[in-house]
Amino acid sequence: MEKDKITIQELELAAVHSGISLASTMGIKQLWIESDSLLAVNTIKGYYPCPRRRKRTLAGIRRNLSKLSDWKVTHIWREANRAADFLSKIDCPIKGNCIAGSPIPPLLADIEKEDLEGTLYFRL
């Protein structure tokens, strides 16, 4: 693997770390993290080894989780994680959090509403 190439596992861990850090700055004390990357979930839970160059990221994830009063990390199928899929496709011209403080896009609000109503999605 080339030195500059980043694996999917590393990207997923970085995204989780960013999300937990954002939640921490917002004062959130209880968090349920769902990822469609079973590899990332198992790495965070300690079931799978962490890539050497992401050990610092994993340590940051665990440090931030330890500050919460309650948390869990679970795997969710991509089809059931429509909000995350939507957010991953937003064009963000700057590195960092483009959503925080911004109005929720109407399509994302619709996805959240359907999720709250328990809408079932079928995998094709």
PDB file of N, CA and C in Angstrom:
ATOM      1  N   MET A   1       0.839  -1.172   0.000  1.00  0.00           N
ATOM      2  CA  MET A   1       0.000   0.000   0.000  1.00  0.00           C
ATOM      3  C   MET A   1       0.889   1.243   0.000  1.00  0.00           C
ATOM      4  N   GLU A   2       0.529   2.234  -0.820  1.00  0.00           N
ATOM      5  CA  GLU A   2       1.279   3.475  -0.864  1.00  0.00           C
ATOM      6  C   GLU A   2       1.157   4.207   0.457  1.00  0.00           C
ATOM      7  N   LYS A   3       2.155   4.995   0.744  1.00  0.00           N
ATOM      8  CA  LYS A   3       2.195   5.710   2.022  1.00  0.00           C
ATOM      9  C   LYS A   3       0.999   6.646   2.209  1.00  0.00           C
ATOM     10  N   ASP A   4       0.550   7.309   1.145  1.00  0.00           N
ATOM     11  CA  ASP A   4      -0.522   8.294   1.251  1.00  0.00           C
ATOM     12  C   ASP A   4      -1.922   7.691   1.190  1.00  0.00           C
ATOM     13  N   LYS A   5      -2.035   6.425   0.845  1.00  0.00           N
ATOM     14  CA  LYS A   5      -3.357   5.795   0.739  1.00  0.00           C
ATOM     15  C   LYS A   5      -3.946   5.586   2.133  1.00  0.00           C
ATOM     16  N   ILE A   6      -5.230   5.910   2.260  1.00  0.00           N
ATOM     17  CA  ILE A   6      -5.927   5.718   3.526  1.00  0.00           C
ATOM     18  C   ILE A   6      -6.978   4.632   3.311  1.00  0.00           C
ATOM     19  N   THR A   7      -7.036   3.675   4.208  1.00  0.00           N
ATOM     20  CA  THR A   7      -7.996   2.581   4.064  1.00  0.00           C
ATOM     21  C   THR A   7      -9.381   3.027   4.513  1.00  0.00           C
ATOM     22  N   ILE A   8     -10.381   2.275   4.101  1.00  0.00           N
ATOM     23  CA  ILE A   8     -11.757   2.549   4.509  1.00  0.00           C
ATOM     24  C   ILE A   8     -11.859   2.514   6.036  1.00  0.00           C
ATOM     25  N   GLN A   9     -11.194   1.538   6.656  1.00  0.00           N
ATOM     26  CA  GLN A   9     -11.224   1.434   8.117  1.00  0.00           C
ATOM     27  C   GLN A   9     -10.696   2.720   8.760  1.00  0.00           C
ATOM     28  N   GLU A  10      -9.609   3.259   8.214  1.00  0.00           N
ATOM     29  CA  GLU A  10      -9.042   4.492   8.758  1.00  0.00           C
ATOM     30  C   GLU A  10      -9.999   5.672   8.579  1.00  0.00           C
ATOM     31  N   LEU A  11     -10.645   5.750   7.421  1.00  0.00           N
ATOM     32  CA  LEU A  11     -11.620   6.820   7.182  1.00  0.00           C
ATOM     33  C   LEU A  11     -12.803   6.719   8.139  1.00  0.00           C
ATOM     34  N   GLU A  12     -13.285   5.506   8.346  1.00  0.00           N
ATOM     35  CA  GLU A  12     -14.414   5.304   9.258  1.00  0.00           C
ATOM     36  C   GLU A  12     -14.039   5.686  10.682  1.00  0.00           C
ATOM     37  N   LEU A  13     -12.856   5.299  11.123  1.00  0.00           N
ATOM     38  CA  LEU A  13     -12.414   5.654  12.473  1.00  0.00           C
ATOM     39  C   LEU A  13     -12.268   7.169  12.616  1.00  0.00           C
ATOM     40  N   ALA A  14     -11.728   7.818  11.591  1.00  0.00           N
ATOM     41  CA  ALA A  14     -11.579   9.273  11.626  1.00  0.00           C
ATOM     42  C   ALA A  14     -12.953   9.949  11.687  1.00  0.00           C
ATOM     43  N   ALA A  15     -13.925   9.423  10.940  1.00  0.00           N
ATOM     44  CA  ALA A  15     -15.280   9.995  10.949  1.00  0.00           C
ATOM     45  C   ALA A  15     -15.931   9.832  12.317  1.00  0.00           C
ATOM     46  N   VAL A  16     -15.781   8.660  12.919  1.00  0.00           N
ATOM     47  CA  VAL A  16     -16.346   8.431  14.254  1.00  0.00           C
ATOM     48  C   VAL A  16     -15.688   9.374  15.262  1.00  0.00           C
ATOM     49  N   HIS A  17     -14.374   9.512  15.171  1.00  0.00           N
ATOM     50  CA  HIS A  17     -13.656  10.400  16.083  1.00  0.00           C
ATOM     51  C   HIS A  17     -14.153  11.838  15.934  1.00  0.00           C
ATOM     52  N   SER A  18     -14.323  12.285  14.710  1.00  0.00           N
ATOM     53  CA  SER A  18     -14.823  13.632  14.451  1.00  0.00           C
ATOM     54  C   SER A  18     -16.228  13.817  15.024  1.00  0.00           C
ATOM     55  N   GLY A  19     -17.093  12.827  14.825  1.00  0.00           N
ATOM     56  CA  GLY A  19     -18.459  12.901  15.338  1.00  0.00           C
ATOM     57  C   GLY A  19     -18.519  12.947  16.855  1.00  0.00           C
ATOM     58  N   ILE A  20     -17.704  12.123  17.500  1.00  0.00           N
ATOM     59  CA  ILE A  20     -17.686  12.111  18.966  1.00  0.00           C
ATOM     60  C   ILE A  20     -17.134  13.434  19.497  1.00  0.00           C
ATOM     61  N   SER A  21     -16.122  13.966  18.841  1.00  0.00           N
ATOM     62  CA  SER A  21     -15.554  15.257  19.259  1.00  0.00           C
ATOM     63  C   SER A  21     -16.591  16.361  19.117  1.00  0.00           C
ATOM     64  N   LEU A  22     -17.354  16.337  18.027  1.00  0.00           N
ATOM     65  CA  LEU A  22     -18.409  17.328  17.826  1.00  0.00           C
ATOM     66  C   LEU A  22     -19.477  17.205  18.916  1.00  0.00           C
ATOM     67  N   ALA A  23     -19.879  15.977  19.210  1.00  0.00           N
ATOM     68  CA  ALA A  23     -20.880  15.755  20.261  1.00  0.00           C
ATOM     69  C   ALA A  23     -20.368  16.280  21.603  1.00  0.00           C
ATOM     70  N   SER A  24     -19.094  16.071  21.863  1.00  0.00           N
ATOM     71  CA  SER A  24     -18.495  16.532  23.116  1.00  0.00           C
ATOM     72  C   SER A  24     -18.545  18.056  23.218  1.00  0.00           C
ATOM     73  N   THR A  25     -18.231  18.749  22.124  1.00  0.00           N
ATOM     74  CA  THR A  25     -18.262  20.215  22.150  1.00  0.00           C
ATOM     75  C   THR A  25     -19.688  20.744  22.301  1.00  0.00           C
ATOM     76  N   MET A  26     -20.675  19.925  21.935  1.00  0.00           N
ATOM     77  CA  MET A  26     -22.079  20.326  22.065  1.00  0.00           C
ATOM     78  C   MET A  26     -22.643  19.969  23.436  1.00  0.00           C
ATOM     79  N   GLY A  27     -21.811  19.352  24.294  1.00  0.00           N
ATOM     80  CA  GLY A  27     -22.240  19.020  25.645  1.00  0.00           C
ATOM     81  C   GLY A  27     -23.073  17.752  25.736  1.00  0.00           C
ATOM     82  N   ILE A  28     -23.048  16.949  24.705  1.00  0.00           N
ATOM     83  CA  ILE A  28     -23.820  15.698  24.708  1.00  0.00           C
ATOM     84  C   ILE A  28     -23.145  14.702  25.638  1.00  0.00           C
ATOM     85  N   LYS A  29     -23.916  14.064  26.501  1.00  0.00           N
ATOM     86  CA  LYS A  29     -23.371  13.132  27.489  1.00  0.00           C
ATOM     87  C   LYS A  29     -23.758  11.681  27.230  1.00  0.00           C
ATOM     88  N   GLN A  30     -24.731  11.458  26.365  1.00  0.00           N
ATOM     89  CA  GLN A  30     -25.141  10.099  26.006  1.00  0.00           C
ATOM     90  C   GLN A  30     -25.100  10.000  24.485  1.00  0.00           C
ATOM     91  N   LEU A  31     -24.513   8.925  23.980  1.00  0.00           N
ATOM     92  CA  LEU A  31     -24.314   8.822  22.545  1.00  0.00           C
ATOM     93  C   LEU A  31     -24.462   7.386  22.078  1.00  0.00           C
ATOM     94  N   TRP A  32     -25.149   7.227  20.979  1.00  0.00           N
ATOM     95  CA  TRP A  32     -25.266   5.927  20.327  1.00  0.00           C
ATOM     96  C   TRP A  32     -24.678   6.099  18.935  1.00  0.00           C
ATOM     97  N   ILE A  33     -23.559   5.463  18.703  1.00  0.00           N
ATOM     98  CA  ILE A  33     -22.858   5.567  17.428  1.00  0.00           C
ATOM     99  C   ILE A  33     -23.221   4.359  16.590  1.00  0.00           C
ATOM    100  N   GLU A  34     -23.719   4.616  15.385  1.00  0.00           N
ATOM    101  CA  GLU A  34     -24.030   3.551  14.448  1.00  0.00           C
ATOM    102  C   GLU A  34     -23.167   3.741  13.217  1.00  0.00           C
ATOM    103  N   SER A  35     -22.506   2.688  12.804  1.00  0.00           N
ATOM    104  CA  SER A  35     -21.667   2.741  11.617  1.00  0.00           C
ATOM    105  C   SER A  35     -22.000   1.575  10.712  1.00  0.00           C
ATOM    106  N   ASP A  36     -21.977   1.835   9.402  1.00  0.00           N
ATOM    107  CA  ASP A  36     -22.200   0.722   8.479  1.00  0.00           C
ATOM    108  C   ASP A  36     -20.894  -0.031   8.205  1.00  0.00           C
ATOM    109  N   SER A  37     -19.843   0.348   8.908  1.00  0.00           N
ATOM    110  CA  SER A  37     -18.567  -0.364   8.810  1.00  0.00           C
ATOM    111  C   SER A  37     -18.414  -1.295  10.017  1.00  0.00           C
ATOM    112  N   LEU A  38     -18.694  -2.561   9.802  1.00  0.00           N
ATOM    113  CA  LEU A  38     -18.545  -3.536  10.879  1.00  0.00           C
ATOM    114  C   LEU A  38     -17.089  -3.597  11.346  1.00  0.00           C
ATOM    115  N   LEU A  39     -16.165  -3.396  10.426  1.00  0.00           N
ATOM    116  CA  LEU A  39     -14.747  -3.402  10.772  1.00  0.00           C
ATOM    117  C   LEU A  39     -14.422  -2.268  11.751  1.00  0.00           C
ATOM    118  N   ALA A  40     -14.946  -1.069  11.493  1.00  0.00           N
ATOM    119  CA  ALA A  40     -14.700   0.056  12.403  1.00  0.00           C
ATOM    120  C   ALA A  40     -15.342  -0.198  13.769  1.00  0.00           C
ATOM    121  N   VAL A  41     -16.571  -0.698  13.769  1.00  0.00           N
ATOM    122  CA  VAL A  41     -17.258  -1.000  15.031  1.00  0.00           C
ATOM    123  C   VAL A  41     -16.450  -2.010  15.841  1.00  0.00           C
ATOM    124  N   ASN A  42     -15.998  -3.073  15.183  1.00  0.00           N
ATOM    125  CA  ASN A  42     -15.228  -4.103  15.886  1.00  0.00           C
ATOM    126  C   ASN A  42     -13.860  -3.596  16.341  1.00  0.00           C
ATOM    127  N   THR A  43     -13.288  -2.657  15.610  1.00  0.00           N
ATOM    128  CA  THR A  43     -12.011  -2.058  16.027  1.00  0.00           C
ATOM    129  C   THR A  43     -12.223  -1.221  17.283  1.00  0.00           C
ATOM    130  N   ILE A  44     -13.274  -0.405  17.301  1.00  0.00           N
ATOM    131  CA  ILE A  44     -13.568   0.437  18.473  1.00  0.00           C
ATOM    132  C   ILE A  44     -13.856  -0.430  19.695  1.00  0.00           C
ATOM    133  N   LYS A  45     -14.565  -1.539  19.489  1.00  0.00           N
ATOM    134  CA  LYS A  45     -14.895  -2.427  20.598  1.00  0.00           C
ATOM    135  C   LYS A  45     -13.718  -3.293  21.034  1.00  0.00           C
ATOM    136  N   GLY A  46     -12.636  -3.278  20.267  1.00  0.00           N
ATOM    137  CA  GLY A  46     -11.444  -4.050  20.617  1.00  0.00           C
ATOM    138  C   GLY A  46     -11.446  -5.473  20.101  1.00  0.00           C
ATOM    139  N   TYR A  47     -12.375  -5.807  19.204  1.00  0.00           N
ATOM    140  CA  TYR A  47     -12.452  -7.155  18.644  1.00  0.00           C
ATOM    141  C   TYR A  47     -11.516  -7.342  17.453  1.00  0.00           C
ATOM    142  N   TYR A  48     -11.049  -6.232  16.887  1.00  0.00           N
ATOM    143  CA  TYR A  48     -10.209  -6.285  15.695  1.00  0.00           C
ATOM    144  C   TYR A  48      -9.069  -5.299  15.889  1.00  0.00           C
ATOM    145  N   PRO A  49      -7.865  -5.637  15.439  1.00  0.00           N
ATOM    146  CA  PRO A  49      -6.724  -4.739  15.663  1.00  0.00           C
ATOM    147  C   PRO A  49      -6.864  -3.423  14.888  1.00  0.00           C
ATOM    148  N   CYS A  50      -6.339  -2.377  15.477  1.00  0.00           N
ATOM    149  CA  CYS A  50      -6.359  -1.055  14.868  1.00  0.00           C
ATOM    150  C   CYS A  50      -5.111  -0.872  14.015  1.00  0.00           C
ATOM    151  N   PRO A  51      -5.254  -0.256  12.825  1.00  0.00           N
ATOM    152  CA  PRO A  51      -4.059   0.037  12.031  1.00  0.00           C
ATOM    153  C   PRO A  51      -3.097   0.906  12.838  1.00  0.00           C
ATOM    154  N   ARG A  52      -1.824   0.640  12.699  1.00  0.00           N
ATOM    155  CA  ARG A  52      -0.809   1.334  13.501  1.00  0.00           C
ATOM    156  C   ARG A  52      -0.918   2.856  13.385  1.00  0.00           C
ATOM    157  N   ARG A  53      -1.133   3.348  12.178  1.00  0.00           N
ATOM    158  CA  ARG A  53      -1.173   4.802  12.027  1.00  0.00           C
ATOM    159  C   ARG A  53      -2.489   5.421  12.478  1.00  0.00           C
ATOM    160  N   ARG A  54      -3.421   4.614  12.971  1.00  0.00           N
ATOM    161  CA  ARG A  54      -4.679   5.137  13.518  1.00  0.00           C
ATOM    162  C   ARG A  54      -4.807   4.874  15.015  1.00  0.00           C
ATOM    163  N   LYS A  55      -3.744   4.425  15.648  1.00  0.00           N
ATOM    164  CA  LYS A  55      -3.782   4.172  17.098  1.00  0.00           C
ATOM    165  C   LYS A  55      -4.118   5.450  17.868  1.00  0.00           C
ATOM    166  N   ARG A  56      -3.595   6.587  17.416  1.00  0.00           N
ATOM    167  CA  ARG A  56      -3.872   7.860  18.081  1.00  0.00           C
ATOM    168  C   ARG A  56      -5.351   8.225  17.926  1.00  0.00           C
ATOM    169  N   THR A  57      -5.917   7.961  16.740  1.00  0.00           N
ATOM    170  CA  THR A  57      -7.338   8.223  16.516  1.00  0.00           C
ATOM    171  C   THR A  57      -8.190   7.354  17.428  1.00  0.00           C
ATOM    172  N   LEU A  58      -7.859   6.070  17.507  1.00  0.00           N
ATOM    173  CA  LEU A  58      -8.607   5.156  18.369  1.00  0.00           C
ATOM    174  C   LEU A  58      -8.486   5.574  19.835  1.00  0.00           C
ATOM    175  N   ALA A  59      -7.302   6.000  20.246  1.00  0.00           N
ATOM    176  CA  ALA A  59      -7.122   6.479  21.628  1.00  0.00           C
ATOM    177  C   ALA A  59      -8.005   7.704  21.879  1.00  0.00           C
ATOM    178  N   GLY A  60      -8.108   8.591  20.896  1.00  0.00           N
ATOM    179  CA  GLY A  60      -8.976   9.769  21.024  1.00  0.00           C
ATOM    180  C   GLY A  60     -10.442   9.381  21.121  1.00  0.00           C
ATOM    181  N   ILE A  61     -10.852   8.390  20.336  1.00  0.00           N
ATOM    182  CA  ILE A  61     -12.227   7.894  20.395  1.00  0.00           C
ATOM    183  C   ILE A  61     -12.514   7.372  21.799  1.00  0.00           C
ATOM    184  N   ARG A  62     -11.643   6.528  22.294  1.00  0.00           N
ATOM    185  CA  ARG A  62     -11.855   5.926  23.617  1.00  0.00           C
ATOM    186  C   ARG A  62     -11.804   6.965  24.732  1.00  0.00           C
ATOM    187  N   ARG A  63     -10.925   7.948  24.593  1.00  0.00           N
ATOM    188  CA  ARG A  63     -10.832   9.021  25.598  1.00  0.00           C
ATOM    189  C   ARG A  63     -12.140   9.823  25.626  1.00  0.00           C
ATOM    190  N   ASN A  64     -12.655  10.168  24.457  1.00  0.00           N
ATOM    191  CA  ASN A  64     -13.914  10.927  24.404  1.00  0.00           C
ATOM    192  C   ASN A  64     -15.096  10.091  24.893  1.00  0.00           C
ATOM    193  N   LEU A  65     -15.101   8.798  24.572  1.00  0.00           N
ATOM    194  CA  LEU A  65     -16.182   7.934  25.058  1.00  0.00           C
ATOM    195  C   LEU A  65     -16.162   7.833  26.576  1.00  0.00           C
ATOM    196  N   SER A  66     -14.976   7.825  27.155  1.00  0.00           N
ATOM    197  CA  SER A  66     -14.873   7.702  28.614  1.00  0.00           C
ATOM    198  C   SER A  66     -15.441   8.924  29.335  1.00  0.00           C
ATOM    199  N   LYS A  67     -15.568  10.043  28.648  1.00  0.00           N
ATOM    200  CA  LYS A  67     -16.117  11.259  29.235  1.00  0.00           C
ATOM    201  C   LYS A  67     -17.649  11.268  29.235  1.00  0.00           C
ATOM    202  N   LEU A  68     -18.251  10.346  28.487  1.00  0.00           N
ATOM    203  CA  LEU A  68     -19.714  10.294  28.384  1.00  0.00           C
ATOM    204  C   LEU A  68     -20.300   9.498  29.537  1.00  0.00           C
ATOM    205  N   SER A  69     -21.541   9.825  29.894  1.00  0.00           N
ATOM    206  CA  SER A  69     -22.199   9.076  30.960  1.00  0.00           C
ATOM    207  C   SER A  69     -22.738   7.739  30.435  1.00  0.00           C
ATOM    208  N   ASP A  70     -23.054   7.678  29.148  1.00  0.00           N
ATOM    209  CA  ASP A  70     -23.560   6.444  28.553  1.00  0.00           C
ATOM    210  C   ASP A  70     -23.286   6.468  27.058  1.00  0.00           C
ATOM    211  N   TRP A  71     -22.869   5.344  26.515  1.00  0.00           N
ATOM    212  CA  TRP A  71     -22.616   5.258  25.080  1.00  0.00           C
ATOM    213  C   TRP A  71     -22.682   3.814  24.620  1.00  0.00           C
ATOM    214  N   LYS A  72     -22.905   3.664  23.307  1.00  0.00           N
ATOM    215  CA  LYS A  72     -22.781   2.351  22.688  1.00  0.00           C
ATOM    216  C   LYS A  72     -22.409   2.548  21.227  1.00  0.00           C
ATOM    217  N   VAL A  73     -21.761   1.554  20.688  1.00  0.00           N
ATOM    218  CA  VAL A  73     -21.331   1.556  19.289  1.00  0.00           C
ATOM    219  C   VAL A  73     -21.883   0.288  18.655  1.00  0.00           C
ATOM    220  N   THR A  74     -22.663   0.459  17.594  1.00  0.00           N
ATOM    221  CA  THR A  74     -23.270  -0.698  16.941  1.00  0.00           C
ATOM    222  C   THR A  74     -23.129  -0.602  15.425  1.00  0.00           C
ATOM    223  N   HIS A  75     -23.235  -1.761  14.798  1.00  0.00           N
ATOM    224  CA  HIS A  75     -23.231  -1.842  13.334  1.00  0.00           C
ATOM    225  C   HIS A  75     -24.651  -1.671  12.830  1.00  0.00           C
ATOM    226  N   ILE A  76     -24.784  -0.938  11.741  1.00  0.00           N
ATOM    227  CA  ILE A  76     -26.077  -0.755  11.099  1.00  0.00           C
ATOM    228  C   ILE A  76     -25.870  -0.923   9.593  1.00  0.00           C
ATOM    229  N   TRP A  77     -26.786  -1.614   8.953  1.00  0.00           N
ATOM    230  CA  TRP A  77     -26.674  -1.809   7.508  1.00  0.00           C
ATOM    231  C   TRP A  77     -26.775  -0.464   6.806  1.00  0.00           C
ATOM    232  N   ARG A  78     -26.032  -0.303   5.749  1.00  0.00           N
ATOM    233  CA  ARG A  78     -26.006   0.949   4.994  1.00  0.00           C
ATOM    234  C   ARG A  78     -27.415   1.415   4.614  1.00  0.00           C
ATOM    235  N   GLU A  79     -28.267   0.481   4.235  1.00  0.00           N
ATOM    236  CA  GLU A  79     -29.630   0.832   3.821  1.00  0.00           C
ATOM    237  C   GLU A  79     -30.440   1.435   4.969  1.00  0.00           C
ATOM    238  N   ALA A  80     -30.083   1.111   6.185  1.00  0.00           N
ATOM    239  CA  ALA A  80     -30.801   1.634   7.354  1.00  0.00           C
ATOM    240  C   ALA A  80     -30.112   2.875   7.916  1.00  0.00           C
ATOM    241  N   ASN A  81     -29.084   3.322   7.258  1.00  0.00           N
ATOM    242  CA  ASN A  81     -28.305   4.454   7.733  1.00  0.00           C
ATOM    243  C   ASN A  81     -28.356   5.571   6.690  1.00  0.00           C
ATOM    244  N   ARG A  82     -29.577   5.897   6.270  1.00  0.00           N
ATOM    245  CA  ARG A  82     -29.758   6.854   5.183  1.00  0.00           C
ATOM    246  C   ARG A  82     -29.235   8.246   5.518  1.00  0.00           C
ATOM    247  N   ALA A  83     -29.369   8.665   6.763  1.00  0.00           N
ATOM    248  CA  ALA A  83     -28.901  10.002   7.144  1.00  0.00           C
ATOM    249  C   ALA A  83     -27.383  10.105   6.972  1.00  0.00           C
ATOM    250  N   ALA A  84     -26.661   9.109   7.434  1.00  0.00           N
ATOM    251  CA  ALA A  84     -25.208   9.119   7.290  1.00  0.00           C
ATOM    252  C   ALA A  84     -24.808   9.059   5.818  1.00  0.00           C
ATOM    253  N   ASP A  85     -25.524   8.261   5.042  1.00  0.00           N
ATOM    254  CA  ASP A  85     -25.254   8.165   3.612  1.00  0.00           C
ATOM    255  C   ASP A  85     -25.468   9.525   2.948  1.00  0.00           C
ATOM    256  N   PHE A  86     -26.539  10.221   3.325  1.00  0.00           N
ATOM    257  CA  PHE A  86     -26.820  11.553   2.799  1.00  0.00           C
ATOM    258  C   PHE A  86     -25.681  12.516   3.145  1.00  0.00           C
ATOM    259  N   LEU A  87     -25.280  12.525   4.419  1.00  0.00           N
ATOM    260  CA  LEU A  87     -24.232  13.441   4.870  1.00  0.00           C
ATOM    261  C   LEU A  87     -22.900  13.168   4.191  1.00  0.00           C
ATOM    262  N   SER A  88     -22.614  11.896   3.905  1.00  0.00           N
ATOM    263  CA  SER A  88     -21.337  11.551   3.280  1.00  0.00           C
ATOM    264  C   SER A  88     -21.238  12.078   1.853  1.00  0.00           C
ATOM    265  N   LYS A  89     -22.370  12.397   1.254  1.00  0.00           N
ATOM    266  CA  LYS A  89     -22.376  12.852  -0.135  1.00  0.00           C
ATOM    267  C   LYS A  89     -22.417  14.378  -0.265  1.00  0.00           C
ATOM    268  N   ILE A  90     -22.489  15.086   0.867  1.00  0.00           N
ATOM    269  CA  ILE A  90     -22.509  16.547   0.815  1.00  0.00           C
ATOM    270  C   ILE A  90     -21.122  17.045   0.426  1.00  0.00           C
ATOM    271  N   ASP A  91     -21.078  17.965  -0.526  1.00  0.00           N
ATOM    272  CA  ASP A  91     -19.817  18.561  -0.951  1.00  0.00           C
ATOM    273  C   ASP A  91     -19.395  19.593   0.093  1.00  0.00           C
ATOM    274  N   CYS A  92     -18.308  19.318   0.774  1.00  0.00           N
ATOM    275  CA  CYS A  92     -17.822  20.202   1.834  1.00  0.00           C
ATOM    276  C   CYS A  92     -16.532  20.870   1.350  1.00  0.00           C
ATOM    277  N   PRO A  93     -16.580  22.177   1.045  1.00  0.00           N
ATOM    278  CA  PRO A  93     -15.404  22.841   0.494  1.00  0.00           C
ATOM    279  C   PRO A  93     -14.275  23.037   1.501  1.00  0.00           C
ATOM    280  N   ILE A  94     -14.565  22.903   2.796  1.00  0.00           N
ATOM    281  CA  ILE A  94     -13.521  23.069   3.802  1.00  0.00           C
ATOM    282  C   ILE A  94     -13.412  21.801   4.635  1.00  0.00           C
ATOM    283  N   LYS A  95     -12.229  21.552   5.149  1.00  0.00           N
ATOM    284  CA  LYS A  95     -12.026  20.385   5.998  1.00  0.00           C
ATOM    285  C   LYS A  95     -12.632  20.675   7.360  1.00  0.00           C
ATOM    286  N   GLY A  96     -13.392  19.719   7.873  1.00  0.00           N
ATOM    287  CA  GLY A  96     -13.982  19.900   9.185  1.00  0.00           C
ATOM    288  C   GLY A  96     -15.472  19.657   9.163  1.00  0.00           C
ATOM    289  N   ASN A  97     -16.160  20.253  10.103  1.00  0.00           N
ATOM    290  CA  ASN A  97     -17.595  20.039  10.262  1.00  0.00           C
ATOM    291  C   ASN A  97     -18.386  21.084   9.481  1.00  0.00           C
ATOM    292  N   CYS A  98     -19.044  20.633   8.411  1.00  0.00           N
ATOM    293  CA  CYS A  98     -19.828  21.552   7.583  1.00  0.00           C
ATOM    294  C   CYS A  98     -21.274  21.623   8.041  1.00  0.00           C
ATOM    295  N   ILE A  99     -21.717  20.700   8.867  1.00  0.00           N
ATOM    296  CA  ILE A  99     -23.121  20.625   9.255  1.00  0.00           C
ATOM    297  C   ILE A  99     -23.396  21.435  10.524  1.00  0.00           C
ATOM    298  N   ALA A 100     -22.468  21.416  11.458  1.00  0.00           N
ATOM    299  CA  ALA A 100     -22.700  22.072  12.745  1.00  0.00           C
ATOM    300  C   ALA A 100     -23.060  23.539  12.565  1.00  0.00           C
ATOM    301  N   GLY A 101     -24.175  23.945  13.140  1.00  0.00           N
ATOM    302  CA  GLY A 101     -24.605  25.326  13.079  1.00  0.00           C
ATOM    303  C   GLY A 101     -25.347  25.685  11.805  1.00  0.00           C
ATOM    304  N   SER A 102     -25.402  24.782  10.850  1.00  0.00           N
ATOM    305  CA  SER A 102     -26.103  25.038   9.596  1.00  0.00           C
ATOM    306  C   SER A 102     -27.536  24.535   9.710  1.00  0.00           C
ATOM    307  N   PRO A 103     -28.449  25.146   8.929  1.00  0.00           N
ATOM    308  CA  PRO A 103     -29.805  24.590   8.916  1.00  0.00           C
ATOM    309  C   PRO A 103     -29.772  23.171   8.340  1.00  0.00           C
ATOM    310  N   ILE A 104     -30.634  22.313   8.845  1.00  0.00           N
ATOM    311  CA  ILE A 104     -30.696  20.940   8.347  1.00  0.00           C
ATOM    312  C   ILE A 104     -31.311  20.967   6.951  1.00  0.00           C
ATOM    313  N   PRO A 105     -30.632  20.376   5.965  1.00  0.00           N
ATOM    314  CA  PRO A 105     -31.197  20.333   4.613  1.00  0.00           C
ATOM    315  C   PRO A 105     -32.549  19.614   4.627  1.00  0.00           C
ATOM    316  N   PRO A 106     -33.519  20.082   3.829  1.00  0.00           N
ATOM    317  CA  PRO A 106     -34.869  19.480   3.831  1.00  0.00           C
ATOM    318  C   PRO A 106     -34.870  17.972   3.621  1.00  0.00           C
ATOM    319  N   LEU A 107     -34.038  17.462   2.722  1.00  0.00           N
ATOM    320  CA  LEU A 107     -34.014  16.020   2.483  1.00  0.00           C
ATOM    321  C   LEU A 107     -33.552  15.264   3.730  1.00  0.00           C
ATOM    322  N   LEU A 108     -32.568  15.806   4.439  1.00  0.00           N
ATOM    323  CA  LEU A 108     -32.110  15.173   5.677  1.00  0.00           C
ATOM    324  C   LEU A 108     -33.210  15.210   6.732  1.00  0.00           C
ATOM    325  N   ALA A 109     -33.944  16.306   6.809  1.00  0.00           N
ATOM    326  CA  ALA A 109     -35.057  16.402   7.760  1.00  0.00           C
ATOM    327  C   ALA A 109     -36.112  15.341   7.442  1.00  0.00           C
ATOM    328  N   ASP A 110     -36.378  15.105   6.149  1.00  0.00           N
ATOM    329  CA  ASP A 110     -37.336  14.063   5.744  1.00  0.00           C
ATOM    330  C   ASP A 110     -36.846  12.679   6.155  1.00  0.00           C
ATOM    331  N   ILE A 111     -35.548  12.420   5.968  1.00  0.00           N
ATOM    332  CA  ILE A 111     -34.963  11.133   6.346  1.00  0.00           C
ATOM    333  C   ILE A 111     -35.103  10.928   7.857  1.00  0.00           C
ATOM    334  N   GLU A 112     -34.794  11.963   8.629  1.00  0.00           N
ATOM    335  CA  GLU A 112     -34.899  11.867  10.092  1.00  0.00           C
ATOM    336  C   GLU A 112     -36.339  11.603  10.520  1.00  0.00           C
ATOM    337  N   LYS A 113     -37.281  12.270   9.874  1.00  0.00           N
ATOM    338  CA  LYS A 113     -38.700  12.078  10.197  1.00  0.00           C
ATOM    339  C   LYS A 113     -39.112  10.633   9.911  1.00  0.00           C
ATOM    340  N   GLU A 114     -38.712  10.103   8.753  1.00  0.00           N
ATOM    341  CA  GLU A 114     -39.049   8.717   8.405  1.00  0.00           C
ATOM    342  C   GLU A 114     -38.425   7.744   9.402  1.00  0.00           C
ATOM    343  N   ASP A 115     -37.190   8.028   9.828  1.00  0.00           N
ATOM    344  CA  ASP A 115     -36.533   7.172  10.818  1.00  0.00           C
ATOM    345  C   ASP A 115     -37.296   7.181  12.141  1.00  0.00           C
ATOM    346  N   LEU A 116     -37.716   8.367  12.580  1.00  0.00           N
ATOM    347  CA  LEU A 116     -38.475   8.477  13.828  1.00  0.00           C
ATOM    348  C   LEU A 116     -39.811   7.748  13.749  1.00  0.00           C
ATOM    349  N   GLU A 117     -40.404   7.733  12.559  1.00  0.00           N
ATOM    350  CA  GLU A 117     -41.689   7.056  12.369  1.00  0.00           C
ATOM    351  C   GLU A 117     -41.530   5.545  12.207  1.00  0.00           C
ATOM    352  N   GLY A 118     -40.290   5.083  12.135  1.00  0.00           N
ATOM    353  CA  GLY A 118     -40.047   3.643  12.007  1.00  0.00           C
ATOM    354  C   GLY A 118     -40.263   3.098  10.607  1.00  0.00           C
ATOM    355  N   THR A 119     -40.068   3.929   9.598  1.00  0.00           N
ATOM    356  CA  THR A 119     -40.227   3.493   8.212  1.00  0.00           C
ATOM    357  C   THR A 119     -39.303   2.319   7.924  1.00  0.00           C
ATOM    358  N   LEU A 120     -39.847   1.285   7.300  1.00  0.00           N
ATOM    359  CA  LEU A 120     -39.057   0.119   6.933  1.00  0.00           C
ATOM    360  C   LEU A 120     -38.493   0.299   5.531  1.00  0.00           C
ATOM    361  N   TYR A 121     -37.248  -0.066   5.360  1.00  0.00           N
ATOM    362  CA  TYR A 121     -36.588  -0.001   4.059  1.00  0.00           C
ATOM    363  C   TYR A 121     -36.177  -1.414   3.693  1.00  0.00           C
ATOM    364  N   PHE A 122     -36.391  -1.777   2.487  1.00  0.00           N
ATOM    365  CA  PHE A 122     -36.071  -3.131   2.047  1.00  0.00           C
ATOM    366  C   PHE A 122     -34.780  -3.134   1.244  1.00  0.00           C
ATOM    367  N   ARG A 123     -33.955  -4.092   1.524  1.00  0.00           N
ATOM    368  CA  ARG A 123     -32.688  -4.254   0.838  1.00  0.00           C
ATOM    369  C   ARG A 123     -32.931  -5.047  -0.438  1.00  0.00           C
ATOM    370  N   LEU A 124     -32.501  -4.520  -1.555  1.00  0.00           N
ATOM    371  CA  LEU A 124     -32.703  -5.196  -2.835  1.00  0.00           C
ATOM    372  C   LEU A 124     -31.500  -6.008  -3.235  1.00  0.00           C
TER     373      LEU A 124
END
